[in-house]
Amino acid sequence: MKNRKILRRCLKRCAAVLFAAGLLTAMSVTAFAAEVIDADRTGSISVTMQDASGTVVEGGSLALYQVAVVYVDETLQNSYELTEDFTDSGVDLDELSDEALAETLEAYADSEALDAYQTAEIGEDGAAVFTELPVGIYLVVQTEAADGYELVSSFVVTVPLSSDGTLIYDVDASPKVEAAEEIPEAATVEETTEEETTEADETPDDETEVKKSSVLPQTGAILWPIALMAGGGFVLLCAGGMLTFRKKGQ
């Protein structure tokens, strides 16, 4: 009897352990299933431009590039595959958190003169929306800045975005926009100095012209003694001629 009681206790404990293990397995499968992307679904990316104070910034435009598509394999694992445009970019899709990834992708898109997947203008509410996007990885680049502001740095967005075990297919992004730098006062002073130097260089030329023009009257003034001497000589010649004529007449 005693052995039977011990056996029953062992069986109950084993059953409890198996039940707990089964429950954990079911929870794990459910959690994993929540992370499986619906490859046939589309999403969107809404970008709202804000400055450091949280005020929306209107104006400018954005370009969206499709970097990779997402597919689910037979083991229900999500996988990324570069699009044809970015096949030769050499980026590692396993390093999506790399801060240099967006910069590398933007440089590649520029060098290859790639066409944007979509473009959008930033409205009065500071927002630009890209819709009907297949699931995948996207690069957002600001192609035109708002008046008085700098271009925001490009960034990478995944559709859908995983947040606390939930897949979000309509993604919101709010990059911070920095005000454009004003022209330093030193540069203004330097420009003024260059203008003053240019004016100073021009002054000697003007003075030289004035000096040259003032020399001309002096040159003309020296000619009057020559004319006077010539006139005097002519008078003496006439007087001599008259005296010679009188002597012959006597």
Protein backbone atom coordinates (compact mmCIF):
# COMPACT_ATOMS: atom_id res chain seq x y z
CA MET A 1 0.00 0.00 0.00
CA LYS A 2 2.75 2.38 0.92
CA ASN A 3 4.50 1.82 -2.41
CA ARG A 4 1.28 2.52 -4.31
CA LYS A 5 0.83 5.85 -2.52
CA ILE A 6 4.38 6.85 -3.41
CA LEU A 7 3.79 5.85 -7.03
CA ARG A 8 0.60 7.90 -7.21
CA ARG A 9 2.39 10.96 -5.83
CA CYS A 10 5.14 10.60 -8.42
CA LEU A 11 2.60 10.29 -11.23
CA LYS A 12 0.76 13.42 -10.04
CA ARG A 13 4.01 15.39 -9.89
CA CYS A 14 5.03 14.21 -13.37
CA ALA A 15 1.63 15.20 -14.73
CA ALA A 16 1.94 18.66 -13.16
CA VAL A 17 5.37 19.15 -14.63
CA LEU A 18 4.22 18.04 -18.10
CA PHE A 19 1.20 20.36 -17.92
CA ALA A 20 3.40 23.32 -16.97
CA ALA A 21 5.84 22.51 -19.75
CA GLY A 22 2.98 22.26 -22.25
CA LEU A 23 1.57 25.59 -21.10
CA LEU A 24 4.94 27.31 -21.51
CA THR A 25 5.33 25.78 -24.96
CA ALA A 26 1.90 27.01 -26.00
CA MET A 27 2.70 30.50 -24.73
CA SER A 28 5.98 30.50 -26.64
CA VAL A 29 4.27 29.44 -29.88
CA THR A 30 1.60 32.10 -29.41
CA ALA A 31 4.23 34.78 -28.80
CA PHE A 32 6.20 33.67 -31.86
CA ALA A 33 3.05 33.60 -33.98
CA ALA A 34 2.39 37.21 -33.02
CA GLU A 35 5.77 38.12 -34.54
CA VAL A 36 5.12 36.40 -37.87
CA ILE A 37 4.65 39.07 -40.55
CA ASP A 38 1.72 38.96 -42.92
CA ALA A 39 3.59 39.17 -46.21
CA ASP A 40 0.38 40.00 -48.13
CA ARG A 41 -0.46 43.01 -46.01
CA THR A 42 0.50 46.63 -46.76
CA GLY A 43 1.35 49.42 -44.37
CA SER A 44 2.21 53.12 -44.22
CA ILE A 45 4.83 55.51 -42.88
CA SER A 46 3.79 58.88 -41.45
CA VAL A 47 6.62 61.35 -40.88
CA THR A 48 5.98 64.42 -38.72
CA MET A 49 8.72 67.06 -38.70
CA GLN A 50 9.27 68.79 -35.34
CA ASP A 51 11.85 71.20 -33.95
CA ALA A 52 13.51 70.94 -30.54
CA SER A 53 10.51 72.54 -28.82
CA GLY A 54 8.08 70.05 -30.36
CA THR A 55 6.62 72.58 -32.80
CA VAL A 56 5.74 71.11 -36.20
CA VAL A 57 7.78 72.38 -39.15
CA GLU A 58 6.03 72.71 -42.48
CA GLY A 59 7.60 72.83 -45.91
CA GLY A 60 10.12 70.73 -47.79
CA SER A 61 9.82 67.25 -49.26
CA LEU A 62 10.80 63.63 -48.60
CA ALA A 63 11.80 60.67 -50.74
CA LEU A 64 11.20 57.03 -49.83
CA TYR A 65 13.35 54.15 -51.09
CA GLN A 66 12.40 50.47 -50.75
CA VAL A 67 15.58 48.80 -49.55
CA ALA A 68 14.36 45.26 -48.84
CA VAL A 69 11.28 43.06 -48.89
CA VAL A 70 10.17 40.67 -46.14
CA TYR A 71 9.07 37.09 -46.65
CA VAL A 72 8.20 34.24 -44.27
CA ASP A 73 9.89 30.89 -44.84
CA GLU A 74 8.52 27.41 -44.15
CA THR A 75 9.70 27.55 -40.53
CA LEU A 76 7.67 30.75 -39.97
CA GLN A 77 10.82 32.82 -39.71
CA ASN A 78 10.87 36.38 -41.04
CA SER A 79 13.62 37.03 -43.59
CA TYR A 80 14.78 40.14 -45.45
CA GLU A 81 15.94 40.29 -49.05
CA LEU A 82 17.44 43.35 -50.72
CA THR A 83 15.51 44.85 -53.61
CA GLU A 84 17.02 44.85 -57.09
CA ASP A 85 18.05 48.51 -56.71
CA PHE A 86 20.07 47.83 -53.56
CA THR A 87 21.42 44.35 -54.34
CA ASP A 88 24.97 45.66 -54.81
CA SER A 89 24.90 48.09 -51.87
CA GLY A 90 26.77 45.63 -49.66
CA VAL A 91 24.75 46.47 -46.52
CA ASP A 92 24.10 43.95 -43.74
CA LEU A 93 20.37 43.69 -43.01
CA ASP A 94 21.14 41.97 -39.72
CA GLU A 95 22.52 45.28 -38.44
CA LEU A 96 19.43 47.49 -38.74
CA SER A 97 20.39 49.33 -35.55
CA ASP A 98 23.67 50.48 -37.09
CA GLU A 99 23.62 54.30 -37.14
CA ALA A 100 25.73 54.37 -40.30
CA LEU A 101 23.28 52.15 -42.23
CA ALA A 102 21.03 55.00 -43.41
CA GLU A 103 24.02 57.12 -44.42
CA THR A 104 25.49 54.22 -46.41
CA LEU A 105 22.18 53.54 -48.17
CA GLU A 106 21.69 57.23 -49.00
CA ALA A 107 25.19 57.51 -50.45
CA TYR A 108 24.58 54.41 -52.57
CA ALA A 109 21.22 55.73 -53.83
CA ASP A 110 22.90 59.02 -54.81
CA SER A 111 25.83 57.34 -56.56
CA GLU A 112 23.52 55.07 -58.55
CA ALA A 113 20.96 57.86 -59.21
CA LEU A 114 18.16 55.57 -58.00
CA ASP A 115 14.55 56.60 -58.41
CA ALA A 116 12.55 56.99 -55.22
CA TYR A 117 9.79 54.47 -54.51
CA GLN A 118 7.54 57.35 -53.41
CA THR A 119 7.87 61.08 -52.75
CA ALA A 120 5.78 63.34 -50.54
CA GLU A 121 5.49 67.03 -49.68
CA ILE A 122 5.49 68.13 -46.05
CA GLY A 123 2.18 69.87 -45.35
CA GLU A 124 1.12 72.66 -43.01
CA ASP A 125 0.75 70.11 -40.21
CA GLY A 126 4.42 69.18 -40.68
CA ALA A 127 3.49 65.70 -41.89
CA ALA A 128 4.19 63.62 -44.97
CA VAL A 129 2.56 60.21 -45.48
CA PHE A 130 3.62 57.24 -47.61
CA THR A 131 0.82 54.72 -48.15
CA GLU A 132 0.19 51.28 -49.70
CA LEU A 133 3.66 50.07 -48.77
CA PRO A 134 4.51 46.36 -49.08
CA VAL A 135 6.12 44.97 -45.94
CA GLY A 136 9.83 45.58 -45.96
CA ILE A 137 12.66 47.95 -45.07
CA TYR A 138 12.59 51.56 -46.25
CA LEU A 139 14.98 54.51 -46.35
CA VAL A 140 13.57 58.00 -45.74
CA VAL A 141 15.58 60.93 -47.16
CA GLN A 142 14.70 64.62 -46.96
CA THR A 143 15.38 66.10 -50.40
CA GLU A 144 14.31 69.68 -49.66
CA ALA A 145 14.52 71.46 -46.31
CA ALA A 146 11.93 73.81 -44.86
CA ASP A 147 12.75 77.51 -44.93
CA GLY A 148 15.09 78.39 -42.08
CA TYR A 149 15.87 74.75 -41.21
CA GLU A 150 18.53 72.16 -41.97
CA LEU A 151 17.90 68.86 -43.75
CA VAL A 152 17.17 66.05 -41.29
CA SER A 153 19.44 63.03 -41.34
CA SER A 154 18.13 60.09 -43.36
CA PHE A 155 16.75 57.14 -41.39
CA VAL A 156 15.61 53.53 -41.87
CA VAL A 157 12.07 52.30 -41.11
CA THR A 158 10.71 48.75 -41.12
CA VAL A 159 7.11 47.97 -42.05
CA PRO A 160 5.75 46.49 -39.88
CA LEU A 161 7.46 47.73 -36.73
CA SER A 162 7.62 45.37 -33.76
CA SER A 163 6.66 46.95 -30.42
CA ASP A 164 6.20 44.91 -27.23
CA GLY A 165 5.33 41.77 -29.17
CA THR A 166 2.88 43.61 -31.44
CA LEU A 167 3.41 44.26 -35.14
CA ILE A 168 2.52 47.83 -36.18
CA TYR A 169 1.88 48.18 -39.92
CA ASP A 170 1.13 51.92 -39.83
CA VAL A 171 4.37 53.39 -38.55
CA ASP A 172 4.82 56.92 -37.17
CA ALA A 173 8.18 58.71 -37.18
CA SER A 174 9.01 62.15 -35.74
CA PRO A 175 12.54 63.27 -36.61
CA LYS A 176 13.87 66.44 -34.98
CA VAL A 177 14.57 69.38 -37.28
CA GLU A 178 17.37 71.83 -36.47
CA ALA A 179 17.28 75.52 -37.35
CA ALA A 180 19.68 76.65 -40.05
CA GLU A 181 22.89 78.25 -38.80
CA GLU A 182 23.15 82.01 -39.18
CA ILE A 183 26.11 83.62 -40.95
CA PRO A 184 28.86 84.29 -38.36
CA GLU A 185 29.65 87.96 -37.64
CA ALA A 186 33.32 87.28 -38.37
CA ALA A 187 32.45 86.51 -41.97
CA THR A 188 30.60 89.82 -42.28
CA VAL A 189 33.58 91.74 -40.89
CA GLU A 190 35.91 89.94 -43.29
CA GLU A 191 33.72 90.84 -46.26
CA THR A 192 33.66 94.49 -45.16
CA THR A 193 37.43 94.49 -44.84
CA GLU A 194 37.77 93.12 -48.38
CA GLU A 195 35.51 95.90 -49.69
CA GLU A 196 37.55 98.54 -47.89
CA THR A 197 40.76 97.04 -49.29
CA THR A 198 39.34 97.12 -52.79
CA GLU A 199 38.39 100.78 -52.41
CA ALA A 200 41.85 101.56 -51.04
CA ASP A 201 43.45 99.85 -54.03
CA GLU A 202 41.36 101.95 -56.40
CA THR A 203 42.25 105.27 -54.71
CA PRO A 204 45.89 105.52 -55.96
CA ASP A 205 44.69 105.09 -59.55
CA ASP A 206 42.34 108.04 -59.17
CA GLU A 207 45.06 110.16 -57.56
CA THR A 208 47.48 109.24 -60.36
CA GLU A 209 44.97 110.40 -62.96
CA VAL A 210 44.54 113.68 -61.09
CA LYS A 211 48.31 114.21 -60.93
CA LYS A 212 48.71 113.49 -64.64
CA SER A 213 46.02 115.98 -65.54
CA SER A 214 47.60 118.63 -63.31
CA VAL A 215 50.95 118.24 -65.05
CA LEU A 216 49.61 119.28 -68.47
CA PRO A 217 49.12 123.00 -67.69
CA GLN A 218 52.70 123.16 -66.44
CA THR A 219 53.98 121.72 -69.71
CA GLY A 220 51.99 124.25 -71.73
CA ALA A 221 53.27 127.16 -69.60
CA ILE A 222 56.88 126.48 -70.57
CA LEU A 223 56.15 127.17 -74.29
CA TRP A 224 55.44 130.94 -73.94
CA PRO A 225 59.13 132.07 -73.68
CA ILE A 226 59.87 130.29 -76.95
CA ALA A 227 57.07 132.14 -78.71
CA LEU A 228 58.26 135.44 -77.20
CA MET A 229 61.84 134.88 -78.35
CA ALA A 230 60.70 133.93 -81.83
CA GLY A 231 58.62 137.11 -82.07
CA GLY A 232 61.53 139.22 -80.87
CA GLY A 233 63.83 137.66 -83.44
CA PHE A 234 61.36 138.40 -86.21
CA VAL A 235 61.17 142.06 -85.13
CA LEU A 236 64.98 142.34 -85.13
CA LEU A 237 65.13 140.85 -88.62
CA CYS A 238 62.61 143.39 -89.90
CA ALA A 239 64.51 146.26 -88.28
CA GLY A 240 67.78 145.08 -89.81
CA GLY A 241 66.17 144.84 -93.22
CA MET A 242 64.86 148.37 -93.03
CA LEU A 243 68.28 149.75 -92.05
CA THR A 244 69.92 147.97 -94.98
CA PHE A 245 67.33 149.40 -97.38
CA ARG A 246 67.93 152.96 -96.15
CA LYS A 247 71.69 152.69 -96.58
CA LYS A 248 71.28 151.57 -100.19
CA GLY A 249 68.97 154.46 -100.88
CA GLN A 250 71.57 157.00 -99.69
